[in-house]
Amino acid sequence: MIYKRGKVYWYKFQWEGRLIRESTKQGNDKVARQMEAAHRTSLAKGEVGIRESPKTWNSWYRPSLGAIENYTALWQRELADITSEHAAGFAAYLRSKKSKGLAISSVNSRLRVLRRIFHLAVEWGQLESAPKIKLLSGERHRERVITPEEEAKYLAAASPLLRSVSTVLIDTGQRPEELFRQRWENITWLNARHGTFLVTHGKTASARRELPMTPRVRSVLEERWQQAGKPEEGWIWPAPTKSGHIEPSTIKKQHRKALTVCGVRRFVLYTLRHTFLTRLGASGCDVWTLARIAGHSSITISSRYVHPSADSVLHAMAMLSGHSSGHNAEIEVKANATQGPAIANESAA
């Protein structure tokens, strides 16, 4: 179906259990219907690969594809002829002066796009297997974690909108862009203890997940829902932007002002996700559960948040010795009883 939001038409439909919703950026309903039909056809033919927002394309894919094009050892080869050695050479080229000596994080970003290309080629049947592309070590991550005291000061100094957004981020671990695109139709008030919401957009297929609300999140969202007139659909965080919902630029000044007022050391909004996942890992959450909550495509990413304590290791070994290893006291007694006569006869002999 197509519907109008502001001056442009949007379309939405279900495809293999997944909700597809996109703006046509057109004010003509006939053109909008044609674009919806074209998208359906592309999905049916398996031609839809990377469908990202213009911002993601311009900030991530375009620079990476440009770098690949400039490296002739890759650009002039068929995909099937590219090996891990070529990828390593590409990484070395990006670090060299010829490519202005990119930082490790920038190099790895371009390597991830290259890896994505190969995975899509395998998925679409163009290649039987993809070469292993190894990322460079030493990449700096957003390691800043705010303390509960810093959190309290920051929220107290934040504007009402920023306080609501930050509270949901730090209690759910969503990526900011996932939260900004949340809609009321993804909210279920009756599931779990306090309700759940469905994350429908993200970097990978793993980003699609259902998350339970904490009491604090429930309170924030329920208040916004009632103030908005209890809508059945629409953006949770509407704003006068091209997308129709808030963007990082919407609350950038509010975030900066809150940090100045509260005196907390500077951090970015993504730090709230990192803080949530760090706290989750410290609580004893296993890496597989953490990966599902975070929407990570690999437990390798999640593993850096999980650091089992010595007590956890001892507890796990104790559980194993008395449960699934088979070496419990009852089995040992039976084994001794069975071996007893044989040992006695052997001694007599």
Protein backbone atom coordinates (compact mmCIF):
# COMPACT_ATOMS: atom_id res chain seq x y z
CA MET A 1 0.00 0.00 0.00
CA ILE A 2 1.09 3.60 -0.49
CA TYR A 3 0.29 6.51 1.80
CA LYS A 4 1.19 10.17 1.95
CA ARG A 5 3.27 11.69 4.69
CA GLY A 6 3.70 15.41 4.29
CA LYS A 7 4.28 16.13 0.60
CA VAL A 8 5.71 12.76 -0.44
CA TYR A 9 4.36 9.20 -0.75
CA TRP A 10 5.61 6.18 1.15
CA TYR A 11 4.90 2.52 0.54
CA LYS A 12 4.89 -0.47 2.84
CA PHE A 13 4.24 -4.19 2.43
CA GLN A 14 5.15 -7.51 4.00
CA TRP A 15 7.80 -9.68 2.36
CA GLU A 16 8.66 -13.10 3.83
CA GLY A 17 7.55 -11.98 7.27
CA ARG A 18 9.52 -8.73 7.08
CA LEU A 19 7.97 -5.27 6.95
CA ILE A 20 9.27 -3.25 4.00
CA ARG A 21 8.72 0.50 4.35
CA GLU A 22 10.40 3.20 2.26
CA SER A 23 9.87 6.75 1.11
CA THR A 24 9.49 7.28 -2.63
CA LYS A 25 10.45 10.96 -2.24
CA GLN A 26 7.78 11.59 -4.86
CA GLY A 27 4.59 13.63 -4.74
CA ASN A 28 2.94 11.70 -7.57
CA ASP A 29 0.92 8.67 -6.46
CA LYS A 30 1.29 6.88 -9.81
CA VAL A 31 5.07 7.11 -9.68
CA ALA A 32 4.98 5.92 -6.07
CA ARG A 33 2.97 2.82 -7.06
CA GLN A 34 5.46 2.09 -9.84
CA MET A 35 8.36 2.31 -7.38
CA GLU A 36 6.58 -0.04 -4.97
CA ALA A 37 5.99 -2.53 -7.80
CA ALA A 38 9.63 -2.28 -8.89
CA HIS A 39 10.80 -3.00 -5.34
CA ARG A 40 8.53 -6.04 -5.10
CA THR A 41 9.85 -7.31 -8.43
CA SER A 42 13.45 -6.85 -7.35
CA LEU A 43 12.80 -8.79 -4.15
CA ALA A 44 11.17 -11.61 -6.10
CA LYS A 45 14.16 -11.84 -8.44
CA GLY A 46 16.66 -11.64 -5.59
CA GLU A 47 18.17 -8.50 -7.06
CA VAL A 48 17.91 -6.38 -3.93
CA GLY A 49 21.19 -6.31 -2.11
CA ILE A 50 22.37 -3.24 -0.28
CA ARG A 51 19.44 -0.92 0.40
CA GLU A 52 20.74 1.63 2.82
CA SER A 53 19.85 5.20 3.66
CA PRO A 54 21.56 7.94 1.61
CA LYS A 55 23.52 8.88 4.71
CA THR A 56 24.90 5.35 5.11
CA TRP A 57 25.73 5.16 1.41
CA ASN A 58 27.57 8.50 1.39
CA SER A 59 29.45 7.97 4.64
CA TRP A 60 30.35 4.27 4.37
CA TYR A 61 29.90 2.65 0.96
CA ARG A 62 30.90 5.48 -1.37
CA PRO A 63 34.38 6.20 0.17
CA SER A 64 35.13 2.47 0.37
CA LEU A 65 34.14 1.75 -3.22
CA GLY A 66 36.17 4.75 -4.33
CA ALA A 67 39.24 3.38 -2.55
CA ILE A 68 38.73 -0.04 -4.17
CA GLU A 69 38.46 1.60 -7.59
CA ASN A 70 41.76 3.43 -7.04
CA TYR A 71 43.58 0.19 -6.22
CA THR A 72 44.02 -1.39 -9.65
CA ALA A 73 45.18 -4.74 -8.27
CA LEU A 74 41.57 -5.23 -7.11
CA TRP A 75 39.58 -3.12 -9.54
CA GLN A 76 40.99 -4.75 -12.67
CA ARG A 77 40.50 -8.33 -11.45
CA GLU A 78 37.49 -10.61 -11.65
CA LEU A 79 35.97 -11.38 -8.24
CA ALA A 80 36.85 -15.06 -8.61
CA ASP A 81 40.54 -14.16 -9.07
CA ILE A 82 40.83 -12.03 -5.92
CA THR A 83 42.52 -13.77 -2.99
CA SER A 84 43.23 -12.99 0.65
CA GLU A 85 46.68 -11.80 -0.41
CA HIS A 86 45.12 -9.16 -2.68
CA ALA A 87 42.96 -7.96 0.23
CA ALA A 88 46.05 -7.74 2.45
CA GLY A 89 47.81 -5.75 -0.28
CA PHE A 90 44.80 -3.43 -0.43
CA ALA A 91 45.06 -2.85 3.33
CA ALA A 92 48.77 -2.10 3.04
CA TYR A 93 48.05 0.34 0.20
CA LEU A 94 45.47 2.17 2.31
CA ARG A 95 48.00 2.57 5.12
CA SER A 96 50.70 3.86 2.74
CA LYS A 97 51.47 7.46 1.82
CA LYS A 98 49.95 6.89 -1.62
CA SER A 99 46.56 6.71 0.07
CA LYS A 100 47.34 9.43 2.65
CA GLY A 101 48.02 6.82 5.35
CA LEU A 102 44.48 6.12 6.54
CA ALA A 103 43.88 5.26 10.18
CA ILE A 104 43.36 1.60 11.06
CA SER A 105 39.66 2.15 11.72
CA SER A 106 39.23 3.70 8.24
CA VAL A 107 41.15 0.85 6.62
CA ASN A 108 38.99 -1.72 8.40
CA SER A 109 35.86 0.12 7.30
CA ARG A 110 36.90 -0.31 3.67
CA LEU A 111 37.86 -3.93 4.25
CA ARG A 112 34.39 -4.58 5.69
CA VAL A 113 32.80 -3.20 2.52
CA LEU A 114 35.06 -5.45 0.43
CA ARG A 115 34.03 -8.41 2.57
CA ARG A 116 30.39 -7.45 2.15
CA ILE A 117 30.83 -7.50 -1.63
CA PHE A 118 32.15 -11.06 -1.54
CA HIS A 119 29.44 -12.27 0.83
CA LEU A 120 26.77 -10.86 -1.49
CA ALA A 121 28.46 -12.53 -4.48
CA VAL A 122 28.27 -15.87 -2.66
CA GLU A 123 24.69 -15.22 -1.57
CA TRP A 124 23.68 -14.45 -5.16
CA GLY A 125 25.44 -17.53 -6.53
CA GLN A 126 28.18 -15.65 -8.37
CA LEU A 127 30.94 -17.23 -6.27
CA GLU A 128 31.21 -20.57 -4.52
CA SER A 129 33.18 -19.15 -1.60
CA ALA A 130 34.61 -15.86 -0.41
CA PRO A 131 38.27 -15.24 0.41
CA LYS A 132 39.09 -14.60 4.04
CA ILE A 133 39.56 -10.90 4.61
CA LYS A 134 41.45 -10.16 7.81
CA LEU A 135 40.93 -6.83 9.53
CA LEU A 136 43.91 -4.93 10.92
CA SER A 137 44.51 -5.10 14.65
CA GLY A 138 44.80 -2.01 16.82
CA GLU A 139 41.49 -0.42 15.83
CA ARG A 140 40.25 2.03 18.41
CA HIS A 141 36.75 1.35 19.70
CA ARG A 142 34.33 3.54 21.62
CA GLU A 143 35.54 2.29 24.99
CA ARG A 144 34.04 5.12 27.04
CA VAL A 145 31.62 3.81 29.66
CA ILE A 146 29.70 6.25 31.81
CA THR A 147 29.17 5.52 35.49
CA PRO A 148 25.75 5.49 37.19
CA GLU A 149 26.67 8.79 38.84
CA GLU A 150 27.53 10.37 35.47
CA GLU A 151 24.32 8.98 34.01
CA ALA A 152 22.23 10.59 36.76
CA LYS A 153 23.93 13.97 36.32
CA TYR A 154 23.57 13.87 32.54
CA LEU A 155 19.88 12.93 32.57
CA ALA A 156 19.15 15.63 35.15
CA ALA A 157 20.74 18.26 32.90
CA ALA A 158 19.21 17.00 29.64
CA SER A 159 16.21 18.52 27.87
CA PRO A 160 12.95 16.49 28.00
CA LEU A 161 13.50 15.06 24.49
CA LEU A 162 17.16 14.23 25.09
CA ARG A 163 16.34 12.71 28.49
CA SER A 164 13.71 10.43 26.94
CA VAL A 165 15.99 9.33 24.09
CA SER A 166 19.00 8.77 26.36
CA THR A 167 16.98 6.79 28.90
CA VAL A 168 15.76 4.36 26.24
CA LEU A 169 19.26 4.06 24.73
CA ILE A 170 20.98 3.25 28.02
CA ASP A 171 18.25 0.80 29.08
CA THR A 172 18.02 -1.12 25.79
CA GLY A 173 21.39 -0.82 24.06
CA GLN A 174 19.88 0.12 20.73
CA ARG A 175 22.01 1.90 18.17
CA PRO A 176 20.92 5.58 18.02
CA GLU A 177 19.81 5.24 14.39
CA GLU A 178 17.68 2.21 15.34
CA LEU A 179 15.96 4.16 18.08
CA PHE A 180 15.40 7.25 15.94
CA ARG A 181 13.48 5.12 13.39
CA GLN A 182 11.20 3.44 15.92
CA ARG A 183 7.47 3.52 15.16
CA TRP A 184 4.39 3.02 17.32
CA GLU A 185 3.29 -0.04 15.34
CA ASN A 186 6.47 -1.79 16.57
CA ILE A 187 5.39 -1.38 20.20
CA THR A 188 3.50 -4.12 22.04
CA TRP A 189 2.34 -3.08 25.49
CA LEU A 190 1.20 -6.54 26.67
CA ASN A 191 4.24 -8.74 25.93
CA ALA A 192 6.74 -9.66 28.66
CA ARG A 193 6.46 -7.85 31.99
CA HIS A 194 6.48 -4.29 30.77
CA GLY A 195 5.97 -4.62 27.02
CA THR A 196 8.30 -5.05 24.05
CA PHE A 197 9.31 -3.24 20.91
CA LEU A 198 10.55 -4.60 17.61
CA VAL A 199 13.73 -3.28 16.03
CA THR A 200 13.17 -3.50 12.28
CA HIS A 201 16.14 -1.61 10.82
CA GLY A 202 19.86 -2.02 11.34
CA LYS A 203 23.21 -2.78 9.80
CA THR A 204 22.57 -6.50 9.22
CA ALA A 205 19.77 -9.05 9.35
CA SER A 206 20.77 -9.75 12.96
CA ALA A 207 19.73 -6.22 13.88
CA ARG A 208 16.07 -7.24 13.56
CA ARG A 209 15.09 -8.30 17.07
CA GLU A 210 12.47 -7.92 19.78
CA LEU A 211 13.54 -6.26 23.02
CA PRO A 212 11.71 -6.11 26.36
CA MET A 213 11.08 -2.77 28.02
CA THR A 214 12.40 -1.92 31.45
CA PRO A 215 10.01 -0.09 33.80
CA ARG A 216 11.86 3.13 33.01
CA VAL A 217 11.53 2.66 29.25
CA ARG A 218 7.87 1.74 29.60
CA SER A 219 7.26 4.94 31.56
CA VAL A 220 9.01 7.11 28.93
CA LEU A 221 7.24 5.57 25.94
CA GLU A 222 3.83 5.39 27.57
CA GLU A 223 4.00 9.08 28.46
CA ARG A 224 4.93 10.00 24.88
CA TRP A 225 2.18 7.74 23.53
CA GLN A 226 -0.49 9.39 25.67
CA GLN A 227 0.74 12.89 24.82
CA ALA A 228 0.58 12.01 21.11
CA GLY A 229 -3.07 10.89 21.46
CA LYS A 230 -2.39 7.12 21.64
CA PRO A 231 -1.57 6.69 17.91
CA GLU A 232 -1.61 3.24 16.31
CA GLU A 233 1.21 4.08 13.90
CA GLY A 234 3.74 6.78 13.11
CA TRP A 235 7.16 7.85 14.32
CA ILE A 236 7.76 7.73 18.06
CA TRP A 237 10.26 10.58 17.73
CA PRO A 238 8.79 12.81 14.96
CA ALA A 239 10.73 15.86 13.79
CA PRO A 240 10.66 18.37 10.92
CA THR A 241 13.41 16.58 8.98
CA LYS A 242 13.50 14.93 5.54
CA SER A 243 13.08 11.52 7.16
CA GLY A 244 10.22 12.69 9.37
CA HIS A 245 11.93 11.54 12.57
CA ILE A 246 14.74 12.89 14.73
CA GLU A 247 18.31 12.66 13.48
CA PRO A 248 21.66 13.09 15.28
CA SER A 249 21.61 16.75 14.25
CA THR A 250 18.23 17.17 15.98
CA ILE A 251 19.65 16.70 19.46
CA LYS A 252 23.32 17.50 18.90
CA LYS A 253 23.11 20.95 20.50
CA GLN A 254 20.98 19.61 23.36
CA HIS A 255 23.55 16.89 24.04
CA ARG A 256 26.43 19.37 24.04
CA LYS A 257 24.56 21.72 26.38
CA ALA A 258 23.70 18.93 28.81
CA LEU A 259 27.37 17.90 29.03
CA THR A 260 28.38 21.49 29.71
CA VAL A 261 25.78 21.94 32.44
CA CYS A 262 26.39 18.64 34.25
CA GLY A 263 30.20 18.73 33.97
CA VAL A 264 30.47 15.10 32.84
CA ARG A 265 33.43 14.23 30.59
CA ARG A 266 32.41 14.38 26.93
CA PHE A 267 30.93 11.33 25.23
CA VAL A 268 28.84 10.59 22.13
CA LEU A 269 25.33 9.12 22.14
CA TYR A 270 26.68 5.76 20.96
CA THR A 271 28.50 5.57 24.31
CA LEU A 272 25.12 4.85 25.93
CA ARG A 273 24.82 1.64 23.88
CA HIS A 274 28.37 0.67 24.79
CA THR A 275 27.63 1.37 28.46
CA PHE A 276 24.51 -0.82 28.37
CA LEU A 277 26.34 -3.74 26.75
CA THR A 278 29.27 -3.42 29.17
CA ARG A 279 26.89 -3.52 32.13
CA LEU A 280 25.06 -6.47 30.58
CA GLY A 281 28.32 -8.37 30.17
CA ALA A 282 29.36 -7.59 33.75
CA SER A 283 26.03 -8.93 35.02
CA GLY A 284 26.99 -12.45 33.90
CA CYS A 285 25.10 -12.52 30.61
CA ASP A 286 26.51 -15.14 28.22
CA VAL A 287 27.92 -14.03 24.90
CA TRP A 288 25.18 -15.63 22.76
CA THR A 289 22.37 -13.88 24.65
CA LEU A 290 24.28 -10.60 24.58
CA ALA A 291 24.75 -10.91 20.80
CA ARG A 292 21.03 -11.40 20.32
CA ILE A 293 20.12 -8.42 22.50
CA ALA A 294 22.71 -6.21 20.83
CA GLY A 295 21.82 -7.28 17.30
CA HIS A 296 25.40 -8.32 16.56
CA SER A 297 26.01 -10.45 13.47
CA SER A 298 28.80 -12.37 15.20
CA ILE A 299 29.57 -13.35 18.79
CA THR A 300 33.13 -12.19 18.10
CA ILE A 301 31.85 -8.63 18.41
CA SER A 302 29.93 -9.44 21.59
CA SER A 303 32.81 -11.31 23.24
CA ARG A 304 34.68 -8.12 24.08
CA TYR A 305 31.86 -7.21 26.48
CA VAL A 306 31.90 -10.55 28.30
CA HIS A 307 34.69 -11.23 30.78
CA PRO A 308 33.87 -14.24 33.01
CA SER A 309 35.14 -13.89 36.56
CA ALA A 310 37.11 -16.59 38.38
CA ASP A 311 34.00 -17.44 40.42
CA SER A 312 31.97 -17.89 37.22
CA VAL A 313 34.57 -20.29 35.83
CA LEU A 314 34.63 -22.33 39.06
CA HIS A 315 30.83 -22.46 39.14
CA ALA A 316 30.69 -23.66 35.54
CA MET A 317 33.24 -26.41 36.21
CA ALA A 318 31.34 -27.48 39.33
CA MET A 319 28.13 -27.73 37.31
CA LEU A 320 29.90 -29.79 34.66
CA SER A 321 31.47 -32.23 37.12
CA GLY A 322 28.16 -32.99 38.73
CA HIS A 323 25.87 -32.88 35.73
CA SER A 324 26.93 -33.51 32.16
CA SER A 325 30.47 -34.85 32.30
CA GLY A 326 29.36 -38.23 33.62
CA HIS A 327 31.93 -38.26 36.43
CA ASN A 328 29.55 -37.92 39.36
CA ALA A 329 29.73 -39.84 42.60
CA GLU A 330 27.01 -42.37 41.72
CA ILE A 331 28.67 -43.39 38.45
CA GLU A 332 32.06 -43.65 40.17
CA VAL A 333 30.65 -45.99 42.85
CA LYS A 334 29.10 -48.22 40.18
CA ALA A 335 32.35 -48.28 38.25
CA ASN A 336 34.32 -49.33 41.33
CA ALA A 337 31.78 -52.02 42.16
CA THR A 338 32.05 -53.43 38.65
CA GLN A 339 35.83 -53.35 38.55
CA GLY A 340 36.28 -54.67 42.06
CA PRO A 341 36.03 -58.48 41.40
CA ALA A 342 38.12 -58.16 38.25
CA ILE A 343 40.88 -56.40 40.14
CA ALA A 344 40.68 -58.99 42.93
CA ASN A 345 40.95 -61.91 40.46
CA GLU A 346 43.86 -60.22 38.69
CA SER A 347 45.68 -59.83 42.03
CA ALA A 348 45.07 -63.48 42.89
CA ALA A 349 46.44 -64.56 39.56
